[in-house]
N, C-alpha and C. Protein backbone atom coordinates (compact mmCIF):
# COMPACT_ATOMS: atom_id res chain seq x y z
N UNK A 1 102.08 205.48 23.95
CA UNK A 1 102.05 206.91 24.16
C UNK A 1 101.38 207.28 25.47
N UNK A 2 100.29 206.54 25.81
CA UNK A 2 99.60 206.83 27.05
C UNK A 2 100.51 206.58 28.25
N UNK A 3 101.29 205.49 28.19
CA UNK A 3 102.20 205.19 29.29
C UNK A 3 103.27 206.27 29.41
N UNK A 4 103.79 206.73 28.28
CA UNK A 4 104.80 207.78 28.33
C UNK A 4 104.21 209.10 28.85
N UNK A 5 102.97 209.37 28.51
CA UNK A 5 102.30 210.59 29.00
C UNK A 5 102.13 210.52 30.51
N UNK A 6 101.71 209.35 31.01
CA UNK A 6 101.56 209.21 32.47
C UNK A 6 102.90 209.34 33.17
N UNK A 7 103.96 208.80 32.55
CA UNK A 7 105.29 208.92 33.14
C UNK A 7 105.73 210.37 33.20
N UNK A 8 105.48 211.10 32.12
CA UNK A 8 105.93 212.49 32.05
C UNK A 8 105.24 213.35 33.09
N UNK A 9 103.96 213.12 33.33
CA UNK A 9 103.17 213.96 34.25
C UNK A 9 102.86 213.27 35.56
N UNK A 10 103.66 212.26 35.91
CA UNK A 10 103.44 211.58 37.19
C UNK A 10 103.71 212.54 38.35
N UNK A 11 103.01 212.40 39.47
CA UNK A 11 103.25 213.28 40.63
C UNK A 11 104.69 213.18 41.10
N UNK A 12 105.16 214.26 41.67
CA UNK A 12 106.55 214.30 42.13
C UNK A 12 106.81 213.30 43.24
N UNK A 13 105.77 212.90 43.96
CA UNK A 13 105.94 211.95 45.06
C UNK A 13 105.99 210.50 44.58
N UNK A 14 105.78 210.27 43.28
CA UNK A 14 105.79 208.91 42.77
C UNK A 14 107.22 208.40 42.64
N UNK A 15 107.33 207.13 42.21
CA UNK A 15 108.64 206.51 42.05
C UNK A 15 109.27 206.83 40.70
N UNK A 16 108.62 207.64 39.89
CA UNK A 16 109.17 207.99 38.58
C UNK A 16 110.40 208.87 38.76
N UNK A 17 111.49 208.46 38.12
CA UNK A 17 112.74 209.21 38.23
C UNK A 17 112.78 210.34 37.20
N UNK A 18 113.69 211.26 37.44
CA UNK A 18 113.87 212.37 36.49
C UNK A 18 114.28 211.84 35.12
N UNK A 19 115.14 210.82 35.10
CA UNK A 19 115.56 210.26 33.82
C UNK A 19 114.39 209.63 33.08
N UNK A 20 113.43 209.05 33.83
CA UNK A 20 112.24 208.50 33.19
C UNK A 20 111.42 209.60 32.53
N UNK A 21 111.32 210.75 33.19
CA UNK A 21 110.57 211.87 32.61
C UNK A 21 111.27 212.40 31.36
N UNK A 22 112.60 212.48 31.42
CA UNK A 22 113.35 212.95 30.24
C UNK A 22 113.15 212.00 29.07
N UNK A 23 113.20 210.70 29.33
CA UNK A 23 113.02 209.72 28.26
C UNK A 23 111.62 209.81 27.68
N UNK A 24 110.60 209.92 28.56
CA UNK A 24 109.23 210.03 28.08
C UNK A 24 109.02 211.31 27.29
N UNK A 25 109.59 212.42 27.78
CA UNK A 25 109.46 213.69 27.07
C UNK A 25 110.12 213.66 25.70
N UNK A 26 111.29 213.00 25.62
CA UNK A 26 111.99 212.88 24.33
C UNK A 26 111.16 212.09 23.34
N UNK A 27 110.58 210.98 23.78
CA UNK A 27 109.78 210.15 22.89
C UNK A 27 108.52 210.88 22.43
N UNK A 28 107.80 211.49 23.37
CA UNK A 28 106.58 212.21 23.01
C UNK A 28 106.89 213.40 22.11
N UNK A 29 107.98 214.12 22.40
CA UNK A 29 108.36 215.25 21.56
C UNK A 29 108.71 214.80 20.15
N UNK A 30 109.39 213.66 20.03
CA UNK A 30 109.74 213.15 18.70
C UNK A 30 108.50 212.75 17.93
N UNK A 31 107.55 212.10 18.60
CA UNK A 31 106.31 211.72 17.92
C UNK A 31 105.52 212.95 17.48
N UNK A 32 105.46 213.96 18.34
CA UNK A 32 104.75 215.19 17.98
C UNK A 32 105.42 215.87 16.79
N UNK A 33 106.75 215.93 16.79
CA UNK A 33 107.46 216.55 15.68
C UNK A 33 107.24 215.77 14.39
N UNK A 34 107.21 214.44 14.49
CA UNK A 34 106.97 213.63 13.30
C UNK A 34 105.60 213.92 12.70
N UNK A 35 104.61 214.11 13.56
CA UNK A 35 103.26 214.44 13.07
C UNK A 35 103.23 215.83 12.45
N UNK A 36 103.90 216.79 13.08
CA UNK A 36 103.91 218.15 12.55
C UNK A 36 104.65 218.25 11.22
N UNK A 37 105.60 217.33 10.99
CA UNK A 37 106.35 217.37 9.74
C UNK A 37 105.55 216.86 8.55
N UNK A 38 104.46 216.14 8.81
CA UNK A 38 103.67 215.58 7.71
C UNK A 38 103.16 216.66 6.76
N UNK A 39 102.40 217.68 7.25
CA UNK A 39 101.94 218.71 6.30
C UNK A 39 103.07 219.52 5.70
N UNK A 40 104.15 219.73 6.46
CA UNK A 40 105.26 220.51 5.93
C UNK A 40 105.91 219.80 4.75
N UNK A 41 106.22 218.52 4.92
CA UNK A 41 106.88 217.78 3.85
C UNK A 41 105.91 217.45 2.72
N UNK A 42 104.62 217.31 3.05
CA UNK A 42 103.64 217.13 1.97
C UNK A 42 103.58 218.37 1.09
N UNK A 43 103.62 219.54 1.73
CA UNK A 43 103.66 220.78 0.96
C UNK A 43 104.91 220.90 0.12
N UNK A 44 106.05 220.46 0.69
CA UNK A 44 107.29 220.48 -0.07
C UNK A 44 107.20 219.58 -1.30
N UNK A 45 106.63 218.38 -1.12
CA UNK A 45 106.49 217.47 -2.25
C UNK A 45 105.58 218.04 -3.33
N UNK A 46 104.47 218.68 -2.91
CA UNK A 46 103.57 219.30 -3.88
C UNK A 46 104.27 220.42 -4.64
N UNK A 47 105.06 221.22 -3.92
CA UNK A 47 105.77 222.32 -4.56
C UNK A 47 106.78 221.79 -5.58
N UNK A 48 107.51 220.74 -5.21
CA UNK A 48 108.47 220.15 -6.14
C UNK A 48 107.76 219.62 -7.38
N UNK A 49 106.64 218.93 -7.17
CA UNK A 49 105.89 218.40 -8.31
C UNK A 49 105.38 219.49 -9.22
N UNK A 50 104.87 220.59 -8.63
CA UNK A 50 104.38 221.70 -9.46
C UNK A 50 105.52 222.35 -10.24
N UNK A 51 106.66 222.54 -9.59
CA UNK A 51 107.80 223.15 -10.28
C UNK A 51 108.28 222.29 -11.45
N UNK A 52 108.34 220.97 -11.22
CA UNK A 52 108.76 220.07 -12.29
C UNK A 52 107.76 220.09 -13.44
N UNK A 53 106.47 220.10 -13.10
CA UNK A 53 105.44 220.13 -14.14
C UNK A 53 105.51 221.44 -14.93
N UNK A 54 105.77 222.56 -14.24
CA UNK A 54 105.88 223.85 -14.93
C UNK A 54 107.09 223.86 -15.86
N UNK A 55 108.23 223.33 -15.38
CA UNK A 55 109.43 223.27 -16.23
C UNK A 55 109.18 222.39 -17.45
N UNK A 56 108.51 221.25 -17.23
CA UNK A 56 108.22 220.36 -18.35
C UNK A 56 107.29 221.03 -19.35
N UNK A 57 106.32 221.80 -18.87
CA UNK A 57 105.41 222.50 -19.78
C UNK A 57 106.15 223.52 -20.62
N UNK A 58 107.10 224.24 -20.00
CA UNK A 58 107.91 225.21 -20.77
C UNK A 58 108.78 224.51 -21.81
N UNK A 59 109.32 223.35 -21.45
CA UNK A 59 110.14 222.60 -22.40
C UNK A 59 109.30 222.10 -23.57
N UNK A 60 108.09 221.63 -23.27
CA UNK A 60 107.22 221.17 -24.36
C UNK A 60 106.80 222.32 -25.27
N UNK A 61 106.60 223.50 -24.68
CA UNK A 61 106.21 224.66 -25.49
C UNK A 61 107.35 225.14 -26.37
N UNK A 62 108.59 225.02 -25.90
CA UNK A 62 109.74 225.53 -26.66
C UNK A 62 110.29 224.50 -27.63
N UNK A 63 110.20 223.23 -27.30
CA UNK A 63 110.79 222.19 -28.14
C UNK A 63 109.76 221.45 -28.96
N UNK A 64 110.21 220.43 -29.64
CA UNK A 64 109.31 219.62 -30.46
C UNK A 64 109.99 218.28 -30.75
N UNK A 65 109.21 217.35 -31.24
CA UNK A 65 109.70 216.01 -31.55
C UNK A 65 109.86 215.87 -33.06
N UNK A 66 110.95 215.22 -33.49
CA UNK A 66 111.20 214.97 -34.91
C UNK A 66 111.63 213.52 -35.09
N UNK A 67 111.65 213.10 -36.35
CA UNK A 67 112.16 211.78 -36.70
C UNK A 67 113.56 211.94 -37.25
N UNK A 68 114.53 211.29 -36.63
CA UNK A 68 115.92 211.34 -37.08
C UNK A 68 116.28 210.03 -37.77
N UNK A 69 117.20 210.13 -38.73
CA UNK A 69 117.68 208.95 -39.47
C UNK A 69 119.10 208.66 -39.03
N UNK A 70 119.35 207.43 -38.61
CA UNK A 70 120.68 207.06 -38.15
C UNK A 70 121.66 207.03 -39.31
N UNK A 71 122.83 207.60 -39.10
CA UNK A 71 123.88 207.62 -40.11
C UNK A 71 124.84 206.45 -39.93
N UNK A 72 124.85 205.83 -38.78
CA UNK A 72 125.72 204.69 -38.51
C UNK A 72 124.93 203.65 -37.73
N UNK A 73 125.46 202.42 -37.71
CA UNK A 73 124.86 201.39 -36.88
C UNK A 73 125.06 201.74 -35.41
N UNK A 74 124.04 201.52 -34.62
CA UNK A 74 124.19 201.68 -33.17
C UNK A 74 125.03 200.53 -32.63
N UNK A 75 125.74 200.73 -31.52
CA UNK A 75 126.53 199.63 -30.95
C UNK A 75 125.65 198.42 -30.67
N UNK A 76 126.21 197.22 -30.80
CA UNK A 76 125.42 196.02 -30.52
C UNK A 76 125.04 195.93 -29.04
N UNK A 77 124.06 195.10 -28.80
CA UNK A 77 123.63 194.88 -27.43
C UNK A 77 124.77 194.26 -26.63
N UNK A 78 125.08 194.83 -25.48
CA UNK A 78 126.17 194.34 -24.64
C UNK A 78 125.60 193.79 -23.34
N UNK A 79 126.09 192.62 -22.96
CA UNK A 79 125.66 192.00 -21.71
C UNK A 79 126.88 191.69 -20.88
N UNK A 80 126.69 191.62 -19.56
CA UNK A 80 127.79 191.28 -18.67
C UNK A 80 127.84 189.77 -18.46
N UNK A 81 128.70 189.33 -17.53
CA UNK A 81 128.89 187.90 -17.31
C UNK A 81 127.62 187.21 -16.83
N UNK A 82 126.74 187.95 -16.15
CA UNK A 82 125.50 187.35 -15.65
C UNK A 82 124.37 187.39 -16.66
N UNK A 83 124.63 187.96 -17.84
CA UNK A 83 123.60 188.02 -18.86
C UNK A 83 122.72 189.25 -18.81
N UNK A 84 123.05 190.22 -17.93
CA UNK A 84 122.27 191.44 -17.81
C UNK A 84 122.78 192.48 -18.82
N UNK A 85 121.86 193.32 -19.29
CA UNK A 85 122.24 194.38 -20.21
C UNK A 85 123.17 195.36 -19.52
N UNK A 86 124.27 195.72 -20.20
CA UNK A 86 125.21 196.69 -19.65
C UNK A 86 124.60 198.09 -19.70
N UNK A 87 123.92 198.41 -20.78
CA UNK A 87 123.27 199.71 -20.92
C UNK A 87 122.04 199.53 -21.80
N UNK A 88 120.96 200.21 -21.45
CA UNK A 88 119.71 200.08 -22.20
C UNK A 88 119.69 200.95 -23.45
N UNK A 89 120.47 202.03 -23.44
CA UNK A 89 120.47 202.94 -24.59
C UNK A 89 121.87 203.45 -24.82
N UNK A 90 122.04 204.07 -25.99
CA UNK A 90 123.33 204.63 -26.36
C UNK A 90 123.08 205.88 -27.18
N UNK A 91 124.13 206.49 -27.70
CA UNK A 91 124.01 207.66 -28.56
C UNK A 91 124.68 207.37 -29.89
N UNK A 92 123.96 207.66 -30.97
CA UNK A 92 124.40 207.30 -32.31
C UNK A 92 124.29 208.51 -33.24
N UNK A 93 125.24 208.70 -34.17
CA UNK A 93 125.14 209.81 -35.13
C UNK A 93 123.88 209.69 -35.98
N UNK A 94 123.20 210.81 -36.18
CA UNK A 94 121.96 210.81 -36.95
C UNK A 94 121.77 212.16 -37.61
N UNK A 95 120.79 212.22 -38.54
CA UNK A 95 120.46 213.47 -39.22
C UNK A 95 118.96 213.71 -39.05
N UNK A 96 118.60 214.96 -38.85
CA UNK A 96 117.18 215.31 -38.71
C UNK A 96 116.93 216.67 -39.36
N UNK A 97 115.66 216.94 -39.64
CA UNK A 97 115.25 218.19 -40.27
C UNK A 97 114.70 219.15 -39.22
N UNK A 98 115.06 220.41 -39.36
CA UNK A 98 114.53 221.46 -38.49
C UNK A 98 113.27 222.04 -39.12
N UNK A 99 112.44 222.73 -38.34
CA UNK A 99 111.18 223.26 -38.88
C UNK A 99 111.38 224.17 -40.10
N UNK A 100 112.49 224.89 -40.18
CA UNK A 100 112.71 225.78 -41.32
C UNK A 100 113.12 225.08 -42.59
N UNK A 101 113.33 223.75 -42.53
CA UNK A 101 113.72 223.00 -43.71
C UNK A 101 115.18 222.62 -43.73
N UNK A 102 116.02 223.22 -42.91
CA UNK A 102 117.44 222.86 -42.86
C UNK A 102 117.61 221.53 -42.14
N UNK A 103 118.77 220.93 -42.36
CA UNK A 103 119.08 219.66 -41.69
C UNK A 103 120.23 219.87 -40.70
N UNK A 104 120.29 218.97 -39.76
CA UNK A 104 121.35 219.03 -38.75
C UNK A 104 121.76 217.61 -38.40
N UNK A 105 123.03 217.45 -38.05
CA UNK A 105 123.55 216.15 -37.66
C UNK A 105 124.12 216.21 -36.25
N UNK A 106 124.01 215.12 -35.55
CA UNK A 106 124.53 215.04 -34.19
C UNK A 106 124.23 213.68 -33.58
N UNK A 107 124.59 213.54 -32.33
CA UNK A 107 124.34 212.29 -31.60
C UNK A 107 122.94 212.32 -31.00
N UNK A 108 122.22 211.23 -31.19
CA UNK A 108 120.86 211.13 -30.64
C UNK A 108 120.77 209.85 -29.81
N UNK A 109 119.94 209.83 -28.79
CA UNK A 109 119.76 208.61 -28.00
C UNK A 109 119.03 207.54 -28.79
N UNK A 110 119.57 206.33 -28.80
CA UNK A 110 118.96 205.21 -29.52
C UNK A 110 119.11 203.95 -28.69
N UNK A 111 118.38 202.93 -29.10
CA UNK A 111 118.55 201.60 -28.53
C UNK A 111 119.75 200.93 -29.17
N UNK A 112 120.34 199.99 -28.47
CA UNK A 112 121.44 199.21 -29.03
C UNK A 112 120.94 198.33 -30.18
N UNK A 113 121.80 198.11 -31.13
CA UNK A 113 121.50 197.16 -32.20
C UNK A 113 120.79 197.73 -33.41
N UNK A 114 120.40 199.01 -33.42
CA UNK A 114 119.73 199.59 -34.58
C UNK A 114 120.72 199.77 -35.72
N UNK A 115 120.22 199.64 -36.94
CA UNK A 115 121.06 199.74 -38.13
C UNK A 115 121.01 201.15 -38.71
N UNK A 116 122.03 201.49 -39.49
CA UNK A 116 122.05 202.77 -40.19
C UNK A 116 120.82 202.86 -41.09
N UNK A 117 120.20 204.03 -41.11
CA UNK A 117 118.98 204.23 -41.89
C UNK A 117 117.72 204.05 -41.07
N UNK A 118 117.86 203.52 -39.84
CA UNK A 118 116.68 203.37 -39.00
C UNK A 118 116.15 204.73 -38.56
N UNK A 119 114.84 204.81 -38.36
CA UNK A 119 114.21 206.06 -37.94
C UNK A 119 113.92 206.00 -36.44
N UNK A 120 114.28 207.06 -35.75
CA UNK A 120 114.02 207.15 -34.31
C UNK A 120 113.40 208.50 -34.00
N UNK A 121 112.53 208.54 -33.02
CA UNK A 121 111.93 209.79 -32.59
C UNK A 121 112.86 210.47 -31.59
N UNK A 122 113.07 211.76 -31.79
CA UNK A 122 114.01 212.52 -30.96
C UNK A 122 113.32 213.81 -30.53
N UNK A 123 113.49 214.16 -29.25
CA UNK A 123 112.98 215.44 -28.76
C UNK A 123 114.06 216.50 -28.89
N UNK A 124 113.71 217.64 -29.52
CA UNK A 124 114.65 218.73 -29.71
C UNK A 124 114.29 219.89 -28.80
N UNK A 125 115.34 220.58 -28.31
CA UNK A 125 115.09 221.77 -27.49
C UNK A 125 114.83 222.98 -28.38
N UNK A 126 114.75 224.16 -27.80
CA UNK A 126 114.43 225.37 -28.56
C UNK A 126 115.50 225.69 -29.59
N UNK A 127 116.74 225.24 -29.35
CA UNK A 127 117.83 225.50 -30.29
C UNK A 127 117.91 224.45 -31.39
N UNK A 128 117.08 223.41 -31.32
CA UNK A 128 117.08 222.38 -32.35
C UNK A 128 118.03 221.23 -32.10
N UNK A 129 118.52 221.08 -30.86
CA UNK A 129 119.43 219.99 -30.52
C UNK A 129 118.73 218.95 -29.65
N UNK A 130 119.16 217.69 -29.73
CA UNK A 130 118.51 216.64 -28.91
C UNK A 130 118.55 216.98 -27.42
N UNK A 131 117.45 216.73 -26.76
CA UNK A 131 117.32 217.03 -25.34
C UNK A 131 116.48 215.93 -24.70
N UNK A 132 116.58 215.76 -23.38
CA UNK A 132 115.73 214.77 -22.70
C UNK A 132 114.25 215.08 -22.90
N UNK A 133 113.46 214.05 -23.02
CA UNK A 133 112.02 214.22 -23.18
C UNK A 133 111.45 214.86 -21.92
N UNK A 134 110.63 215.91 -22.05
CA UNK A 134 110.06 216.55 -20.85
C UNK A 134 109.25 215.56 -20.01
N UNK A 135 109.25 215.77 -18.73
CA UNK A 135 108.50 214.91 -17.83
C UNK A 135 107.01 215.05 -18.08
N UNK A 136 106.30 213.94 -17.93
CA UNK A 136 104.84 214.00 -18.01
C UNK A 136 104.29 214.53 -16.70
N UNK A 137 103.06 215.06 -16.68
CA UNK A 137 102.49 215.53 -15.41
C UNK A 137 102.44 214.44 -14.34
N UNK A 138 102.14 213.21 -14.76
CA UNK A 138 102.08 212.11 -13.79
C UNK A 138 103.45 211.84 -13.18
N UNK A 139 104.49 211.87 -14.02
CA UNK A 139 105.84 211.63 -13.50
C UNK A 139 106.30 212.77 -12.59
N UNK A 140 105.94 213.99 -12.96
CA UNK A 140 106.28 215.13 -12.10
C UNK A 140 105.63 214.98 -10.73
N UNK A 141 104.36 214.59 -10.72
CA UNK A 141 103.66 214.40 -9.45
C UNK A 141 104.27 213.25 -8.66
N UNK A 142 104.68 212.18 -9.35
CA UNK A 142 105.28 211.03 -8.66
C UNK A 142 106.61 211.42 -8.01
N UNK A 143 107.41 212.22 -8.72
CA UNK A 143 108.68 212.65 -8.14
C UNK A 143 108.44 213.54 -6.92
N UNK A 144 107.46 214.44 -7.01
CA UNK A 144 107.13 215.28 -5.86
C UNK A 144 106.68 214.45 -4.67
N UNK A 145 105.86 213.44 -4.93
CA UNK A 145 105.42 212.55 -3.84
C UNK A 145 106.60 211.82 -3.22
N UNK A 146 107.51 211.36 -4.08
CA UNK A 146 108.69 210.65 -3.58
C UNK A 146 109.55 211.56 -2.71
N UNK A 147 109.68 212.83 -3.10
CA UNK A 147 110.45 213.78 -2.29
C UNK A 147 109.82 213.95 -0.91
N UNK A 148 108.50 214.13 -0.88
CA UNK A 148 107.83 214.30 0.41
C UNK A 148 107.93 213.08 1.30
N UNK A 149 107.67 211.90 0.72
CA UNK A 149 107.70 210.66 1.51
C UNK A 149 109.12 210.36 1.99
N UNK A 150 110.10 210.47 1.09
CA UNK A 150 111.48 210.17 1.49
C UNK A 150 111.97 211.17 2.54
N UNK A 151 111.55 212.44 2.41
CA UNK A 151 111.93 213.43 3.43
C UNK A 151 111.36 213.08 4.79
N UNK A 152 110.09 212.63 4.81
CA UNK A 152 109.46 212.29 6.09
C UNK A 152 110.11 211.04 6.69
N UNK A 153 110.40 210.05 5.85
CA UNK A 153 111.06 208.84 6.36
C UNK A 153 112.46 209.16 6.88
N UNK A 154 113.15 210.07 6.21
CA UNK A 154 114.48 210.47 6.70
C UNK A 154 114.36 211.16 8.05
N UNK A 155 113.33 212.02 8.19
CA UNK A 155 113.13 212.70 9.47
C UNK A 155 112.80 211.69 10.56
N UNK A 156 111.99 210.68 10.24
CA UNK A 156 111.69 209.63 11.23
C UNK A 156 112.96 208.90 11.65
N UNK A 157 113.84 208.62 10.69
CA UNK A 157 115.09 207.93 11.03
C UNK A 157 115.95 208.77 11.95
N UNK A 158 116.03 210.08 11.68
CA UNK A 158 116.84 210.97 12.54
C UNK A 158 116.23 211.04 13.93
N UNK A 159 114.90 211.20 14.00
CA UNK A 159 114.25 211.26 15.32
C UNK A 159 114.41 209.96 16.08
N UNK A 160 114.31 208.83 15.36
CA UNK A 160 114.50 207.54 16.02
C UNK A 160 115.90 207.38 16.57
N UNK A 161 116.90 207.79 15.79
CA UNK A 161 118.28 207.71 16.27
C UNK A 161 118.50 208.63 17.48
N UNK A 162 117.85 209.79 17.45
CA UNK A 162 117.98 210.71 18.59
C UNK A 162 117.38 210.09 19.85
N UNK A 163 116.21 209.44 19.70
CA UNK A 163 115.60 208.79 20.86
C UNK A 163 116.48 207.67 21.40
N UNK A 164 117.06 206.89 20.50
CA UNK A 164 117.95 205.80 20.93
C UNK A 164 119.18 206.36 21.65
N UNK A 165 119.74 207.44 21.11
CA UNK A 165 120.93 208.03 21.74
C UNK A 165 120.60 208.57 23.12
N UNK A 166 119.44 209.24 23.25
CA UNK A 166 119.04 209.76 24.56
C UNK A 166 118.83 208.62 25.55
N UNK A 167 118.16 207.56 25.11
CA UNK A 167 117.90 206.45 26.03
C UNK A 167 119.20 205.77 26.45
N UNK A 168 120.13 205.59 25.52
CA UNK A 168 121.40 204.97 25.89
C UNK A 168 122.16 205.83 26.91
N UNK A 169 122.14 207.16 26.69
CA UNK A 169 122.79 208.04 27.65
C UNK A 169 122.14 207.97 29.01
N UNK A 170 120.80 207.94 29.05
CA UNK A 170 120.09 207.84 30.32
C UNK A 170 120.34 206.48 30.99
N UNK A 171 120.41 205.43 30.18
CA UNK A 171 120.70 204.10 30.75
C UNK A 171 122.08 204.08 31.41
N UNK A 172 123.05 204.72 30.79
CA UNK A 172 124.38 204.77 31.40
C UNK A 172 124.33 205.52 32.72
N UNK A 173 123.59 206.63 32.76
CA UNK A 173 123.45 207.38 34.01
C UNK A 173 122.77 206.52 35.07
N UNK A 174 121.71 205.80 34.69
CA UNK A 174 121.00 204.96 35.66
C UNK A 174 121.89 203.84 36.18
N UNK A 175 122.66 203.24 35.28
CA UNK A 175 123.55 202.16 35.73
C UNK A 175 124.61 202.68 36.69
N UNK A 176 125.13 203.86 36.41
CA UNK A 176 126.11 204.44 37.34
C UNK A 176 125.45 204.75 38.69
N UNK A 177 124.22 205.26 38.64
CA UNK A 177 123.52 205.56 39.89
C UNK A 177 123.25 204.29 40.69
N UNK A 178 122.83 203.22 39.98
CA UNK A 178 122.59 201.96 40.69
C UNK A 178 123.89 201.43 41.31
N UNK A 179 124.98 201.49 40.56
CA UNK A 179 126.25 201.01 41.10
C UNK A 179 126.67 201.82 42.31
N UNK A 180 126.48 203.15 42.23
CA UNK A 180 126.85 204.00 43.36
C UNK A 180 125.96 203.71 44.57
N UNK A 181 124.67 203.54 44.37
CA UNK A 181 123.76 203.24 45.48
C UNK A 181 124.05 201.87 46.08
N UNK A 182 124.40 200.91 45.21
CA UNK A 182 124.72 199.57 45.74
C UNK A 182 126.00 199.61 46.56
N UNK A 183 126.98 200.39 46.10
CA UNK A 183 128.21 200.51 46.87
C UNK A 183 127.94 201.17 48.22
N UNK A 184 127.09 202.21 48.25
CA UNK A 184 126.74 202.85 49.51
C UNK A 184 125.99 201.89 50.42
N UNK A 185 125.12 201.05 49.81
CA UNK A 185 124.41 200.06 50.62
C UNK A 185 125.36 199.04 51.21
N UNK A 186 126.34 198.62 50.39
CA UNK A 186 127.31 197.63 50.88
C UNK A 186 128.13 198.22 52.03
N UNK A 187 128.51 199.49 51.91
CA UNK A 187 129.27 200.12 52.98
C UNK A 187 128.41 200.23 54.23
N UNK A 188 127.14 200.62 54.07
CA UNK A 188 126.26 200.81 55.23
C UNK A 188 125.97 199.50 55.94
N UNK A 189 125.88 198.40 55.20
CA UNK A 189 125.52 197.11 55.81
C UNK A 189 126.73 196.24 56.10
N UNK A 190 127.92 196.67 55.69
CA UNK A 190 129.12 195.91 55.94
C UNK A 190 129.39 194.81 54.95
N UNK A 191 128.59 194.70 53.88
CA UNK A 191 128.81 193.68 52.87
C UNK A 191 130.11 193.98 52.13
N UNK A 192 130.86 192.93 51.87
CA UNK A 192 132.11 193.08 51.16
C UNK A 192 133.25 193.52 52.05
N UNK A 193 133.01 193.69 53.36
CA UNK A 193 134.06 194.08 54.30
C UNK A 193 134.51 192.86 55.09
N UNK A 194 135.68 192.98 55.72
CA UNK A 194 136.15 191.92 56.59
C UNK A 194 135.39 191.92 57.90
N UNK A 195 135.49 190.86 58.69
CA UNK A 195 134.79 190.82 59.98
C UNK A 195 133.67 189.83 59.95
N UNK A 196 132.86 189.84 60.97
CA UNK A 196 131.82 188.82 61.09
C UNK A 196 130.85 188.84 59.95
N UNK A 197 130.60 189.98 59.36
CA UNK A 197 129.55 190.04 58.37
C UNK A 197 129.94 189.43 57.04
N UNK A 198 131.22 189.13 56.81
CA UNK A 198 131.59 188.59 55.51
C UNK A 198 131.63 187.06 55.50
N UNK A 199 131.05 186.45 56.62
CA UNK A 199 130.91 185.01 56.63
C UNK A 199 131.99 184.28 57.38
N UNK A 200 133.06 184.96 57.85
CA UNK A 200 134.14 184.30 58.57
C UNK A 200 133.81 184.25 60.05
N UNK A 201 134.37 183.31 60.76
CA UNK A 201 134.09 183.18 62.20
C UNK A 201 134.76 184.33 62.93
N UNK A 202 134.08 184.80 64.00
CA UNK A 202 134.62 185.89 64.80
C UNK A 202 135.63 185.36 65.79
């Protein structure tokens, strides 16, 4: 960074080219933007975590957990050719009791291989139907952290690609300038021309 800073603010009489200043400015600007994005994306991650935690708290307040009884055998454990589980869970018909004393039947998430009559814990929503278990506060915070970190890493990748693209464009300009200056030098000194200067006898 120190070298790029010196390049950017080098005196106009130095050998630093305009393209060198543009490259240094692009790199320093990208680094500065990456630093400024840290609190912004950290705040975004915290906000996501708080929102998830609030939603989970509302779900816990409205729903409840019950014990359901399977009415059929759950599908057997299935593995693929490599011996890995095809699916960790499935949905099986079951019956459960509602707080008012009535019963209800439907599909509930279960593990593979359970037999009819097995008891499983099921989370019900406010309407009394199976629903995903609300997130724990720790999981909500972890997801928020993941959002912030992944957002910052994505921003770093975009900034890095931008710096690479700028440098490649500047390199092409420099190569064209060098080729043009070399051609002018060859013309001025007679290199590459016929006559005594190309090595043939006069």
